[in-house]
N, C-alpha and C. Protein backbone atom coordinates (compact mmCIF):
# COMPACT_ATOMS: atom_id res chain seq x y z
N MET A 1 104.90 115.46 115.86
CA MET A 1 105.84 115.04 114.83
C MET A 1 106.66 113.88 115.33
N GLY A 2 106.83 112.82 114.48
CA GLY A 2 107.59 111.65 114.87
C GLY A 2 109.07 111.91 115.01
N TYR A 3 109.74 111.07 115.79
CA TYR A 3 111.18 111.21 116.01
C TYR A 3 111.94 110.72 114.77
N LEU A 4 112.94 111.47 114.35
CA LEU A 4 113.79 111.10 113.22
C LEU A 4 115.16 110.71 113.74
N SER A 5 115.62 109.52 113.32
CA SER A 5 116.95 109.07 113.72
C SER A 5 118.01 109.93 113.03
N LYS A 6 119.24 109.83 113.51
CA LYS A 6 120.35 110.56 112.90
C LYS A 6 120.57 110.16 111.46
N ARG A 7 120.38 108.86 111.21
CA ARG A 7 120.56 108.35 109.84
C ARG A 7 119.50 108.96 108.90
N MET A 8 118.24 109.02 109.38
CA MET A 8 117.18 109.55 108.56
C MET A 8 117.37 111.03 108.32
N LYS A 9 117.80 111.78 109.34
CA LYS A 9 118.06 113.21 109.19
C LYS A 9 119.15 113.43 108.14
N LYS A 10 120.22 112.61 108.19
CA LYS A 10 121.32 112.73 107.26
C LYS A 10 120.84 112.41 105.86
N ALA A 11 119.96 111.40 105.72
CA ALA A 11 119.43 111.01 104.40
C ALA A 11 118.60 112.15 103.81
N ARG A 12 117.79 112.76 104.63
CA ARG A 12 116.94 113.85 104.13
C ARG A 12 117.74 115.07 103.76
N GLU A 13 118.82 115.32 104.51
CA GLU A 13 119.63 116.50 104.23
C GLU A 13 120.35 116.39 102.88
N ALA A 14 120.55 115.16 102.41
CA ALA A 14 121.25 114.94 101.16
C ALA A 14 120.38 115.14 99.94
N ILE A 15 119.09 115.34 100.17
CA ILE A 15 118.14 115.44 99.08
C ILE A 15 117.47 116.80 99.05
N ASP A 16 117.39 117.39 97.88
CA ASP A 16 116.68 118.63 97.68
C ASP A 16 115.21 118.28 97.40
N ARG A 17 114.36 118.47 98.38
CA ARG A 17 112.96 118.03 98.28
C ARG A 17 112.17 118.80 97.21
N ALA A 18 112.66 119.98 96.84
CA ALA A 18 111.96 120.79 95.83
C ALA A 18 112.39 120.43 94.41
N ARG A 19 113.45 119.66 94.28
CA ARG A 19 113.99 119.34 92.94
C ARG A 19 113.46 118.01 92.42
N ARG A 20 113.36 117.89 91.08
CA ARG A 20 113.06 116.64 90.44
C ARG A 20 114.32 116.19 89.72
N TYR A 21 114.85 115.04 90.10
CA TYR A 21 116.13 114.56 89.61
C TYR A 21 115.97 113.66 88.37
N PRO A 22 117.02 113.61 87.54
CA PRO A 22 117.04 112.56 86.46
C PRO A 22 116.96 111.21 87.16
N LEU A 23 116.35 110.25 86.51
CA LEU A 23 116.12 108.95 87.12
C LEU A 23 117.40 108.30 87.62
N SER A 24 118.45 108.35 86.82
CA SER A 24 119.72 107.71 87.24
C SER A 24 120.29 108.38 88.48
N GLU A 25 120.19 109.72 88.56
CA GLU A 25 120.71 110.44 89.72
C GLU A 25 119.86 110.17 90.95
N ALA A 26 118.52 110.08 90.75
CA ALA A 26 117.63 109.80 91.87
C ALA A 26 117.93 108.43 92.48
N LEU A 27 118.22 107.45 91.64
CA LEU A 27 118.53 106.12 92.13
C LEU A 27 119.88 106.11 92.84
N GLY A 28 120.85 106.87 92.35
CA GLY A 28 122.14 106.97 93.00
C GLY A 28 121.98 107.57 94.40
N LEU A 29 121.16 108.62 94.50
CA LEU A 29 120.92 109.23 95.79
C LEU A 29 120.21 108.28 96.76
N ALA A 30 119.24 107.53 96.20
CA ALA A 30 118.49 106.58 97.04
C ALA A 30 119.43 105.55 97.64
N VAL A 31 120.34 105.04 96.81
CA VAL A 31 121.32 104.05 97.29
C VAL A 31 122.25 104.63 98.31
N ASP A 32 122.76 105.82 98.03
CA ASP A 32 123.74 106.45 98.94
C ASP A 32 123.11 106.93 100.25
N ALA A 33 121.84 107.35 100.18
CA ALA A 33 121.22 107.94 101.34
C ALA A 33 120.40 106.94 102.17
N ALA A 34 120.32 105.68 101.71
CA ALA A 34 119.53 104.68 102.43
C ALA A 34 120.00 104.62 103.90
N PRO A 35 119.11 104.88 104.85
CA PRO A 35 119.53 105.00 106.23
C PRO A 35 119.67 103.68 107.01
N ALA A 36 119.07 102.61 106.54
CA ALA A 36 119.06 101.39 107.35
C ALA A 36 120.37 100.57 107.14
N LYS A 37 120.67 99.72 108.10
CA LYS A 37 121.86 98.87 108.05
C LYS A 37 121.60 97.60 107.17
N PHE A 38 120.34 97.22 106.95
CA PHE A 38 120.04 96.06 106.13
C PHE A 38 119.95 96.45 104.68
N ASP A 39 119.87 95.45 103.82
CA ASP A 39 119.81 95.69 102.35
C ASP A 39 118.38 96.08 101.97
N GLU A 40 118.13 97.36 101.95
CA GLU A 40 116.78 97.85 101.73
C GLU A 40 116.28 97.58 100.32
N THR A 41 114.95 97.39 100.19
CA THR A 41 114.32 97.29 98.89
C THR A 41 114.15 98.70 98.31
N VAL A 42 114.38 98.81 97.00
CA VAL A 42 114.18 100.08 96.32
C VAL A 42 112.85 100.00 95.58
N GLU A 43 112.02 101.01 95.73
CA GLU A 43 110.68 100.99 95.13
C GLU A 43 110.46 102.19 94.20
N LEU A 44 109.75 101.93 93.14
CA LEU A 44 109.34 102.99 92.20
C LEU A 44 107.87 103.26 92.42
N ALA A 45 107.51 104.54 92.60
CA ALA A 45 106.12 104.92 92.76
C ALA A 45 105.77 105.88 91.65
N VAL A 46 104.69 105.59 90.94
CA VAL A 46 104.25 106.39 89.79
C VAL A 46 102.80 106.82 90.00
N VAL A 47 102.55 108.12 89.94
CA VAL A 47 101.18 108.65 90.02
C VAL A 47 100.68 108.78 88.59
N LEU A 48 99.60 108.07 88.28
CA LEU A 48 99.07 108.05 86.91
C LEU A 48 97.84 108.96 86.80
N GLY A 49 97.69 109.56 85.65
CA GLY A 49 96.52 110.40 85.38
C GLY A 49 95.35 109.55 84.86
N VAL A 50 94.90 108.66 85.71
CA VAL A 50 93.75 107.80 85.37
C VAL A 50 92.76 107.83 86.52
N ASP A 51 91.51 107.42 86.22
CA ASP A 51 90.47 107.28 87.23
C ASP A 51 90.24 105.79 87.45
N PRO A 52 90.86 105.21 88.50
CA PRO A 52 90.75 103.77 88.71
C PRO A 52 89.30 103.27 88.93
N ARG A 53 88.37 104.23 89.19
CA ARG A 53 86.97 103.81 89.40
C ARG A 53 86.34 103.41 88.09
N GLN A 54 86.93 103.83 86.99
CA GLN A 54 86.43 103.48 85.66
C GLN A 54 87.10 102.22 85.17
N ALA A 55 86.30 101.24 84.76
CA ALA A 55 86.86 99.95 84.34
C ALA A 55 87.83 100.10 83.15
N ASP A 56 87.57 101.07 82.30
CA ASP A 56 88.42 101.22 81.11
C ASP A 56 89.68 102.06 81.39
N GLN A 57 89.89 102.39 82.67
CA GLN A 57 91.10 103.16 83.03
C GLN A 57 91.93 102.43 84.10
N ASN A 58 91.61 101.17 84.32
CA ASN A 58 92.43 100.40 85.26
C ASN A 58 93.72 100.02 84.58
N VAL A 59 94.79 100.13 85.31
CA VAL A 59 96.12 99.79 84.76
C VAL A 59 96.66 98.60 85.56
N ARG A 60 96.89 97.53 84.87
CA ARG A 60 97.39 96.31 85.51
C ARG A 60 98.23 95.54 84.53
N GLY A 61 99.32 95.00 84.99
CA GLY A 61 100.19 94.21 84.12
C GLY A 61 101.34 93.60 84.83
N THR A 62 102.27 93.07 84.06
CA THR A 62 103.48 92.45 84.61
C THR A 62 104.66 92.85 83.73
N CYS A 63 105.85 92.72 84.29
CA CYS A 63 107.06 92.89 83.51
C CYS A 63 108.17 92.11 84.15
N GLN A 64 109.11 91.68 83.32
CA GLN A 64 110.23 90.86 83.80
C GLN A 64 111.44 91.75 84.05
N LEU A 65 111.86 91.88 85.30
CA LEU A 65 113.00 92.71 85.64
C LEU A 65 114.28 91.99 85.20
N PRO A 66 115.13 92.63 84.41
CA PRO A 66 116.33 91.96 83.91
C PRO A 66 117.29 91.50 85.02
N HIS A 67 117.25 92.18 86.15
CA HIS A 67 118.17 91.82 87.26
C HIS A 67 117.38 91.21 88.45
N GLY A 68 116.12 90.89 88.26
CA GLY A 68 115.32 90.34 89.32
C GLY A 68 114.99 91.34 90.41
N THR A 69 114.40 90.87 91.48
CA THR A 69 114.02 91.75 92.58
C THR A 69 114.98 91.65 93.80
N GLY A 70 115.82 90.63 93.78
CA GLY A 70 116.72 90.42 94.91
C GLY A 70 116.03 89.68 96.06
N LYS A 71 114.81 89.28 95.82
CA LYS A 71 114.02 88.59 96.85
C LYS A 71 113.77 87.17 96.44
N THR A 72 113.84 86.25 97.39
CA THR A 72 113.50 84.86 97.15
C THR A 72 111.98 84.74 97.15
N VAL A 73 111.42 84.39 96.01
CA VAL A 73 109.95 84.33 95.87
C VAL A 73 109.46 82.89 96.10
N ARG A 74 108.56 82.75 97.08
CA ARG A 74 107.99 81.45 97.36
C ARG A 74 106.74 81.29 96.53
N VAL A 75 106.74 80.24 95.67
CA VAL A 75 105.66 80.05 94.73
C VAL A 75 104.87 78.80 95.06
N VAL A 76 103.55 78.91 95.10
CA VAL A 76 102.67 77.79 95.29
C VAL A 76 101.91 77.53 93.97
N VAL A 77 101.73 76.27 93.61
CA VAL A 77 101.04 75.91 92.37
C VAL A 77 99.91 74.95 92.67
N PHE A 78 98.73 75.33 92.18
CA PHE A 78 97.55 74.46 92.27
C PHE A 78 97.45 73.69 90.93
N ALA A 79 97.64 72.40 91.01
CA ALA A 79 97.63 71.60 89.78
C ALA A 79 97.28 70.15 90.13
N LYS A 80 97.18 69.33 89.09
CA LYS A 80 96.96 67.90 89.30
C LYS A 80 97.60 67.14 88.15
N GLY A 81 97.78 65.83 88.38
CA GLY A 81 98.37 64.99 87.34
C GLY A 81 99.79 65.37 87.02
N ASP A 82 100.12 65.28 85.74
CA ASP A 82 101.49 65.58 85.26
C ASP A 82 101.93 66.99 85.57
N LYS A 83 100.97 67.93 85.67
CA LYS A 83 101.31 69.31 85.91
C LYS A 83 101.91 69.54 87.32
N MET A 84 101.63 68.64 88.22
CA MET A 84 102.22 68.75 89.56
C MET A 84 103.72 68.52 89.49
N LYS A 85 104.12 67.48 88.75
CA LYS A 85 105.56 67.20 88.61
C LYS A 85 106.25 68.29 87.81
N GLU A 86 105.54 68.81 86.80
CA GLU A 86 106.11 69.92 86.01
C GLU A 86 106.40 71.12 86.89
N ALA A 87 105.47 71.41 87.80
CA ALA A 87 105.68 72.55 88.71
C ALA A 87 106.83 72.31 89.67
N GLU A 88 106.90 71.08 90.19
CA GLU A 88 107.98 70.72 91.12
C GLU A 88 109.35 70.82 90.41
N ASP A 89 109.42 70.31 89.19
CA ASP A 89 110.67 70.35 88.43
C ASP A 89 111.11 71.77 88.11
N ALA A 90 110.13 72.67 87.99
CA ALA A 90 110.44 74.07 87.67
C ALA A 90 110.89 74.86 88.88
N GLY A 91 110.74 74.26 90.07
CA GLY A 91 111.20 74.92 91.30
C GLY A 91 110.10 75.47 92.17
N ALA A 92 108.85 75.09 91.96
CA ALA A 92 107.76 75.56 92.81
C ALA A 92 108.02 75.10 94.26
N ASP A 93 107.71 75.94 95.22
CA ASP A 93 107.97 75.61 96.60
C ASP A 93 106.92 74.70 97.20
N PHE A 94 105.66 74.88 96.74
CA PHE A 94 104.54 74.06 97.23
C PHE A 94 103.63 73.73 96.06
N VAL A 95 103.25 72.47 95.97
CA VAL A 95 102.37 72.03 94.88
C VAL A 95 101.25 71.16 95.46
N GLY A 96 100.04 71.38 95.02
CA GLY A 96 98.91 70.58 95.52
C GLY A 96 97.62 70.91 94.84
N GLY A 97 96.54 70.34 95.39
CA GLY A 97 95.23 70.58 94.85
C GLY A 97 94.24 70.88 95.96
N ASP A 98 93.29 69.99 96.18
CA ASP A 98 92.29 70.15 97.23
C ASP A 98 92.96 70.23 98.61
N ASP A 99 94.01 69.43 98.79
CA ASP A 99 94.70 69.44 100.07
C ASP A 99 95.32 70.76 100.39
N LEU A 100 95.89 71.43 99.36
CA LEU A 100 96.50 72.73 99.54
C LEU A 100 95.45 73.80 99.82
N ALA A 101 94.32 73.68 99.12
CA ALA A 101 93.23 74.63 99.33
C ALA A 101 92.69 74.53 100.75
N GLN A 102 92.58 73.28 101.24
CA GLN A 102 92.10 73.06 102.60
C GLN A 102 93.04 73.62 103.65
N LYS A 103 94.34 73.48 103.37
CA LYS A 103 95.36 74.00 104.29
C LYS A 103 95.27 75.52 104.43
N ILE A 104 94.97 76.18 103.26
CA ILE A 104 94.84 77.66 103.27
C ILE A 104 93.53 78.07 103.95
N GLN A 105 92.46 77.42 103.57
CA GLN A 105 91.12 77.80 104.06
C GLN A 105 90.93 77.35 105.52
N GLY A 106 91.36 76.18 105.85
CA GLY A 106 91.10 75.65 107.17
C GLY A 106 92.12 76.03 108.23
N GLU A 107 93.39 76.16 107.82
CA GLU A 107 94.45 76.44 108.76
C GLU A 107 94.99 77.86 108.68
N GLY A 108 94.53 78.62 107.66
CA GLY A 108 95.00 80.00 107.50
C GLY A 108 96.46 80.06 107.04
N TRP A 109 96.92 78.99 106.38
CA TRP A 109 98.30 78.94 105.92
C TRP A 109 98.52 79.84 104.72
N LEU A 110 99.48 80.76 104.83
CA LEU A 110 99.75 81.69 103.72
C LEU A 110 101.25 81.95 103.57
N ASP A 111 102.08 80.94 103.79
CA ASP A 111 103.53 81.13 103.74
C ASP A 111 104.07 81.06 102.30
N PHE A 112 103.53 81.92 101.44
CA PHE A 112 104.02 81.99 100.06
C PHE A 112 103.78 83.40 99.54
N ASP A 113 104.47 83.72 98.44
CA ASP A 113 104.42 85.10 97.88
C ASP A 113 103.59 85.17 96.61
N LYS A 114 103.55 84.10 95.83
CA LYS A 114 102.81 84.08 94.59
C LYS A 114 102.08 82.75 94.42
N ALA A 115 100.96 82.79 93.69
CA ALA A 115 100.18 81.56 93.46
C ALA A 115 99.90 81.41 91.98
N ILE A 116 100.04 80.19 91.51
CA ILE A 116 99.76 79.84 90.12
C ILE A 116 98.77 78.70 90.12
N ALA A 117 97.89 78.67 89.11
CA ALA A 117 96.92 77.59 89.03
C ALA A 117 96.68 77.19 87.59
N THR A 118 96.49 75.93 87.35
CA THR A 118 96.08 75.50 86.02
C THR A 118 94.58 75.80 85.90
N PRO A 119 94.09 76.03 84.69
CA PRO A 119 92.66 76.38 84.51
C PRO A 119 91.69 75.36 85.12
N ASP A 120 92.06 74.08 85.06
CA ASP A 120 91.18 73.05 85.61
C ASP A 120 91.13 73.01 87.13
N MET A 121 91.95 73.86 87.78
CA MET A 121 91.95 73.92 89.24
C MET A 121 91.24 75.19 89.74
N MET A 122 90.76 76.01 88.85
CA MET A 122 90.16 77.27 89.29
C MET A 122 88.84 77.10 90.04
N ALA A 123 88.16 75.98 89.82
CA ALA A 123 86.91 75.70 90.60
C ALA A 123 87.29 75.57 92.07
N VAL A 124 88.45 75.00 92.34
CA VAL A 124 88.93 74.82 93.70
C VAL A 124 89.49 76.13 94.24
N VAL A 125 90.35 76.76 93.43
CA VAL A 125 91.02 78.01 93.87
C VAL A 125 90.02 79.14 94.02
N GLY A 126 88.95 79.16 93.20
CA GLY A 126 87.97 80.21 93.26
C GLY A 126 87.33 80.36 94.64
N LYS A 127 87.24 79.25 95.38
CA LYS A 127 86.63 79.27 96.70
C LYS A 127 87.54 79.98 97.72
N LEU A 128 88.77 80.22 97.33
CA LEU A 128 89.71 80.90 98.24
C LEU A 128 89.79 82.39 97.98
N GLY A 129 88.92 82.89 97.12
CA GLY A 129 88.95 84.29 96.73
C GLY A 129 88.96 85.28 97.87
N LYS A 130 88.18 85.00 98.89
CA LYS A 130 88.09 85.97 100.01
C LYS A 130 89.37 85.98 100.86
N VAL A 131 90.14 84.90 100.75
CA VAL A 131 91.40 84.83 101.49
C VAL A 131 92.55 85.36 100.67
N LEU A 132 92.62 84.90 99.41
CA LEU A 132 93.75 85.27 98.55
C LEU A 132 93.59 86.64 97.90
N GLY A 133 92.36 86.97 97.53
CA GLY A 133 92.13 88.24 96.82
C GLY A 133 92.64 89.49 97.52
N PRO A 134 92.23 89.72 98.78
CA PRO A 134 92.69 90.93 99.46
C PRO A 134 94.19 91.03 99.67
N ARG A 135 94.86 89.88 99.57
CA ARG A 135 96.34 89.85 99.77
C ARG A 135 97.08 89.89 98.44
N GLY A 136 96.36 90.02 97.33
CA GLY A 136 96.97 90.04 96.03
C GLY A 136 97.58 88.73 95.60
N LEU A 137 97.05 87.62 96.12
CA LEU A 137 97.61 86.29 95.83
C LEU A 137 96.75 85.45 94.91
N MET A 138 95.61 85.97 94.47
CA MET A 138 94.70 85.19 93.63
C MET A 138 95.26 85.03 92.22
N PRO A 139 95.38 83.80 91.74
CA PRO A 139 95.85 83.58 90.36
C PRO A 139 94.90 84.29 89.37
N ASN A 140 95.47 84.83 88.31
CA ASN A 140 94.70 85.59 87.35
C ASN A 140 95.28 85.37 85.95
N PRO A 141 94.43 84.99 84.98
CA PRO A 141 94.93 84.77 83.62
C PRO A 141 95.53 86.03 82.99
N LYS A 142 95.08 87.22 83.40
CA LYS A 142 95.56 88.45 82.82
C LYS A 142 97.05 88.72 83.11
N VAL A 143 97.53 88.13 84.19
CA VAL A 143 98.95 88.33 84.55
C VAL A 143 99.73 87.01 84.45
N GLY A 144 99.15 86.04 83.78
CA GLY A 144 99.85 84.80 83.49
C GLY A 144 99.95 83.81 84.61
N THR A 145 99.14 83.94 85.66
CA THR A 145 99.23 83.01 86.76
C THR A 145 98.10 81.96 86.74
N VAL A 146 97.25 82.02 85.75
CA VAL A 146 96.34 80.92 85.44
C VAL A 146 96.75 80.41 84.08
N THR A 147 97.42 79.27 84.05
CA THR A 147 98.03 78.80 82.79
C THR A 147 98.31 77.30 82.87
N MET A 148 98.36 76.69 81.68
CA MET A 148 98.77 75.28 81.62
C MET A 148 100.29 75.17 81.52
N ASP A 149 100.96 76.28 81.16
CA ASP A 149 102.41 76.28 81.11
C ASP A 149 102.99 76.66 82.47
N VAL A 150 102.81 75.77 83.44
CA VAL A 150 103.22 76.10 84.80
C VAL A 150 104.75 76.22 84.94
N SER A 151 105.48 75.48 84.12
CA SER A 151 106.92 75.55 84.17
C SER A 151 107.41 76.97 83.86
N LYS A 152 106.89 77.56 82.79
CA LYS A 152 107.26 78.90 82.40
C LYS A 152 106.83 79.92 83.48
N ALA A 153 105.61 79.76 83.98
CA ALA A 153 105.11 80.70 84.99
C ALA A 153 105.94 80.67 86.25
N VAL A 154 106.32 79.51 86.72
CA VAL A 154 107.15 79.39 87.90
C VAL A 154 108.51 80.00 87.68
N SER A 155 109.12 79.68 86.54
CA SER A 155 110.46 80.17 86.20
C SER A 155 110.49 81.70 86.16
N GLU A 156 109.46 82.29 85.54
CA GLU A 156 109.40 83.74 85.42
C GLU A 156 109.26 84.42 86.79
N LEU A 157 108.43 83.89 87.62
CA LEU A 157 108.27 84.47 88.97
C LEU A 157 109.56 84.35 89.78
N LYS A 158 110.21 83.24 89.68
CA LYS A 158 111.44 83.03 90.42
C LYS A 158 112.54 83.95 89.91
N ALA A 159 112.47 84.28 88.60
CA ALA A 159 113.54 85.09 87.99
C ALA A 159 113.32 86.59 88.16
N GLY A 160 112.17 87.01 88.65
CA GLY A 160 111.97 88.43 88.89
C GLY A 160 110.83 89.08 88.15
N LYS A 161 109.82 88.30 87.75
CA LYS A 161 108.66 88.89 87.15
C LYS A 161 107.82 89.58 88.23
N VAL A 162 107.47 90.83 88.01
CA VAL A 162 106.69 91.59 88.98
C VAL A 162 105.35 91.99 88.40
N GLU A 163 104.38 92.10 89.27
CA GLU A 163 103.04 92.50 88.87
C GLU A 163 102.75 93.89 89.44
N TYR A 164 102.07 94.70 88.67
CA TYR A 164 101.66 96.04 89.18
C TYR A 164 100.18 96.24 88.92
N ARG A 165 99.59 97.06 89.76
CA ARG A 165 98.19 97.38 89.64
C ARG A 165 97.90 98.73 90.29
N VAL A 166 97.22 99.59 89.58
CA VAL A 166 96.95 100.93 90.09
C VAL A 166 96.03 100.84 91.30
N ASP A 167 96.33 101.62 92.35
CA ASP A 167 95.47 101.60 93.53
C ASP A 167 94.37 102.64 93.41
N LYS A 168 93.58 102.78 94.45
CA LYS A 168 92.41 103.69 94.42
C LYS A 168 92.82 105.15 94.21
N ALA A 169 94.03 105.47 94.59
CA ALA A 169 94.50 106.85 94.46
C ALA A 169 95.21 107.11 93.13
N GLY A 170 95.25 106.09 92.26
CA GLY A 170 95.88 106.24 90.96
C GLY A 170 97.36 106.07 91.01
N VAL A 171 97.88 105.34 92.01
CA VAL A 171 99.33 105.19 92.20
C VAL A 171 99.75 103.73 91.95
N ILE A 172 100.88 103.58 91.28
CA ILE A 172 101.49 102.28 91.08
C ILE A 172 102.73 102.18 91.97
N HIS A 173 102.87 101.10 92.74
CA HIS A 173 104.07 100.85 93.55
C HIS A 173 104.73 99.56 93.06
N VAL A 174 106.00 99.61 92.66
CA VAL A 174 106.66 98.41 92.17
C VAL A 174 108.07 98.32 92.76
N PRO A 175 108.42 97.18 93.37
CA PRO A 175 109.81 97.01 93.84
C PRO A 175 110.72 96.78 92.63
N ILE A 176 111.86 97.44 92.61
CA ILE A 176 112.78 97.31 91.47
C ILE A 176 114.12 96.73 91.85
N GLY A 177 114.26 96.18 93.03
CA GLY A 177 115.50 95.57 93.43
C GLY A 177 115.92 95.95 94.83
N LYS A 178 117.18 95.64 95.15
CA LYS A 178 117.77 95.90 96.44
C LYS A 178 118.81 96.99 96.33
N ARG A 179 119.07 97.66 97.44
CA ARG A 179 120.08 98.70 97.51
C ARG A 179 121.42 98.18 96.98
N SER A 180 121.74 96.94 97.29
CA SER A 180 123.01 96.35 96.90
C SER A 180 123.18 96.16 95.41
N PHE A 181 122.09 96.29 94.63
CA PHE A 181 122.19 96.17 93.19
C PHE A 181 123.05 97.27 92.60
N GLY A 182 122.99 98.45 93.24
CA GLY A 182 123.70 99.61 92.68
C GLY A 182 122.86 100.34 91.68
N PRO A 183 123.17 101.61 91.39
CA PRO A 183 122.34 102.44 90.51
C PRO A 183 122.13 101.89 89.10
N GLU A 184 123.16 101.28 88.51
CA GLU A 184 123.04 100.85 87.10
C GLU A 184 122.01 99.74 86.93
N LYS A 185 122.05 98.72 87.77
CA LYS A 185 121.07 97.63 87.65
C LYS A 185 119.67 98.12 88.03
N LEU A 186 119.60 98.99 89.04
CA LEU A 186 118.30 99.55 89.43
C LEU A 186 117.72 100.38 88.29
N LEU A 187 118.57 101.11 87.57
CA LEU A 187 118.11 101.91 86.42
C LEU A 187 117.54 101.01 85.34
N ASP A 188 118.24 99.90 85.03
CA ASP A 188 117.73 98.96 84.05
C ASP A 188 116.33 98.44 84.43
N ASN A 189 116.19 98.04 85.68
CA ASN A 189 114.90 97.55 86.16
C ASN A 189 113.83 98.61 86.14
N ALA A 190 114.15 99.81 86.60
CA ALA A 190 113.18 100.90 86.63
C ALA A 190 112.70 101.26 85.24
N GLN A 191 113.63 101.27 84.28
CA GLN A 191 113.22 101.66 82.90
C GLN A 191 112.28 100.61 82.31
N ILE A 192 112.50 99.35 82.64
CA ILE A 192 111.61 98.28 82.16
C ILE A 192 110.20 98.49 82.71
N VAL A 193 110.10 98.86 83.98
CA VAL A 193 108.78 99.12 84.60
C VAL A 193 108.10 100.31 83.93
N ILE A 194 108.84 101.38 83.74
CA ILE A 194 108.28 102.58 83.12
C ILE A 194 107.82 102.29 81.68
N ASP A 195 108.64 101.57 80.94
CA ASP A 195 108.26 101.21 79.57
C ASP A 195 106.98 100.38 79.56
N SER A 196 106.87 99.44 80.52
CA SER A 196 105.67 98.59 80.59
C SER A 196 104.44 99.43 80.96
N LEU A 197 104.61 100.36 81.84
CA LEU A 197 103.48 101.23 82.22
C LEU A 197 103.03 102.08 81.03
N MET A 198 103.97 102.55 80.24
CA MET A 198 103.59 103.34 79.08
C MET A 198 102.81 102.50 78.06
N ARG A 199 103.21 101.27 77.89
CA ARG A 199 102.49 100.38 76.96
C ARG A 199 101.10 100.04 77.51
N ALA A 200 100.95 100.10 78.83
CA ALA A 200 99.67 99.73 79.45
C ALA A 200 98.71 100.92 79.54
N LYS A 201 99.09 102.08 78.98
CA LYS A 201 98.26 103.28 79.06
C LYS A 201 96.88 103.02 78.44
N PRO A 202 95.80 103.23 79.21
CA PRO A 202 94.46 103.00 78.67
C PRO A 202 94.11 104.05 77.62
N GLN A 203 93.39 103.65 76.60
CA GLN A 203 92.98 104.59 75.56
C GLN A 203 92.07 105.67 76.13
N ALA A 204 91.35 105.34 77.19
CA ALA A 204 90.39 106.27 77.78
C ALA A 204 91.09 107.36 78.65
N ALA A 205 92.38 107.14 78.96
CA ALA A 205 93.09 108.10 79.81
C ALA A 205 93.33 109.41 79.05
N LYS A 206 92.99 110.53 79.66
CA LYS A 206 93.13 111.84 79.04
C LYS A 206 94.18 112.67 79.82
N GLY A 207 94.75 113.64 79.12
CA GLY A 207 95.71 114.51 79.79
C GLY A 207 97.04 113.83 80.05
N THR A 208 97.75 114.32 81.05
CA THR A 208 99.06 113.77 81.40
C THR A 208 98.91 112.39 82.01
N TYR A 209 99.57 111.43 81.43
CA TYR A 209 99.44 110.05 81.92
C TYR A 209 100.33 109.80 83.11
N MET A 210 101.65 110.03 82.98
CA MET A 210 102.57 109.90 84.13
C MET A 210 102.70 111.25 84.80
N LYS A 211 101.95 111.46 85.85
CA LYS A 211 101.94 112.76 86.51
C LYS A 211 103.16 112.99 87.38
N SER A 212 103.64 111.97 88.04
CA SER A 212 104.86 112.11 88.84
C SER A 212 105.45 110.73 89.12
N ILE A 213 106.77 110.74 89.31
CA ILE A 213 107.53 109.52 89.60
C ILE A 213 108.43 109.81 90.80
N ALA A 214 108.57 108.81 91.63
CA ALA A 214 109.48 108.94 92.79
C ALA A 214 110.12 107.60 93.08
N VAL A 215 111.31 107.63 93.64
CA VAL A 215 111.97 106.41 94.08
C VAL A 215 112.30 106.56 95.56
N SER A 216 112.34 105.41 96.23
CA SER A 216 112.67 105.42 97.67
C SER A 216 113.15 104.04 98.07
N THR A 217 113.85 103.98 99.19
CA THR A 217 114.21 102.71 99.80
C THR A 217 113.23 102.42 100.94
N THR A 218 113.33 101.23 101.51
CA THR A 218 112.40 100.82 102.55
C THR A 218 112.27 101.86 103.67
N MET A 219 113.41 102.37 104.14
CA MET A 219 113.40 103.28 105.26
C MET A 219 113.78 104.71 104.85
N GLY A 220 114.10 104.92 103.58
CA GLY A 220 114.60 106.20 103.13
C GLY A 220 113.52 107.14 102.65
N PRO A 221 113.86 108.41 102.47
CA PRO A 221 112.91 109.41 101.98
C PRO A 221 112.62 109.22 100.49
N GLY A 222 111.47 109.73 100.04
CA GLY A 222 111.12 109.69 98.66
C GLY A 222 111.94 110.74 97.86
N ILE A 223 112.37 110.38 96.66
CA ILE A 223 113.13 111.27 95.80
C ILE A 223 112.38 111.47 94.50
N ARG A 224 111.95 112.67 94.23
CA ARG A 224 111.15 112.92 93.03
C ARG A 224 112.00 112.88 91.76
N VAL A 225 111.41 112.35 90.70
CA VAL A 225 112.09 112.17 89.42
C VAL A 225 111.51 113.10 88.40
N GLU A 226 112.35 113.67 87.55
CA GLU A 226 111.85 114.58 86.53
C GLU A 226 110.96 113.86 85.53
N PRO A 227 109.93 114.56 85.00
CA PRO A 227 108.93 113.95 84.10
C PRO A 227 109.55 113.32 82.85
N ALA A 228 110.74 113.74 82.46
CA ALA A 228 111.36 113.26 81.23
C ALA A 228 111.58 111.74 81.27
N ALA A 229 111.61 111.17 82.49
CA ALA A 229 111.84 109.70 82.60
C ALA A 229 110.68 108.97 81.96
N GLY A 230 109.46 109.47 82.20
CA GLY A 230 108.30 108.83 81.61
C GLY A 230 108.18 109.12 80.11
N LYS A 231 108.51 110.35 79.70
CA LYS A 231 108.40 110.72 78.29
C LYS A 231 109.40 109.95 77.46
N ALA A 232 110.59 109.69 78.04
CA ALA A 232 111.63 108.95 77.30
C ALA A 232 111.17 107.57 76.97
N ALA A 233 110.27 107.00 77.81
CA ALA A 233 109.80 105.63 77.61
C ALA A 233 108.66 105.57 76.62
N ALA A 234 108.09 106.70 76.25
CA ALA A 234 106.92 106.72 75.36
C ALA A 234 107.29 106.24 73.96
């Protein structure tokens, strides 16, 4: 068994592991019990009643968090012509075309968090699939990162647009802000994510869709949330 620090022991003692808390109370506990000295990220984890192996049961989407994520998002844009200036004016951190692709492929450069591409650049970006894909950085039209409206795409990512995708175990993990946000802002963000997940429910999904919900901070214990949080969003 791994060693538990005094802070972690104290955090765990404050939580009833057998209980499922109302979402607002769970977030309050997460904030109060966060054991680290730094401003921890708060994450929402949702177990969905879907079979990710089936194409018609994959859950993927985006939502705009009203209070952002609390993280500075570094955005790279693959574009050419006037769209390069549009991306720069919108606040993109890196803008380029073939030169940018070569830097990633040849030098292994990956100092960014999100990537956007105009449709006419996908022939170039597509060659980076083996590098960007496994890291979740590949631009995709389904989540709005392959678009001619690069200004809007950059602005949304900078303002707190988050992407979610169900993993092989049927779980969604989404950051909903920082501990310093406080319970009220975290609740606003969490409810937006839950609402979005409910709208993304596949028609092929049978039985209970939101099987369980939990919140946690980077270093803190998981706190289970009562099922009513998901039902209220339906």
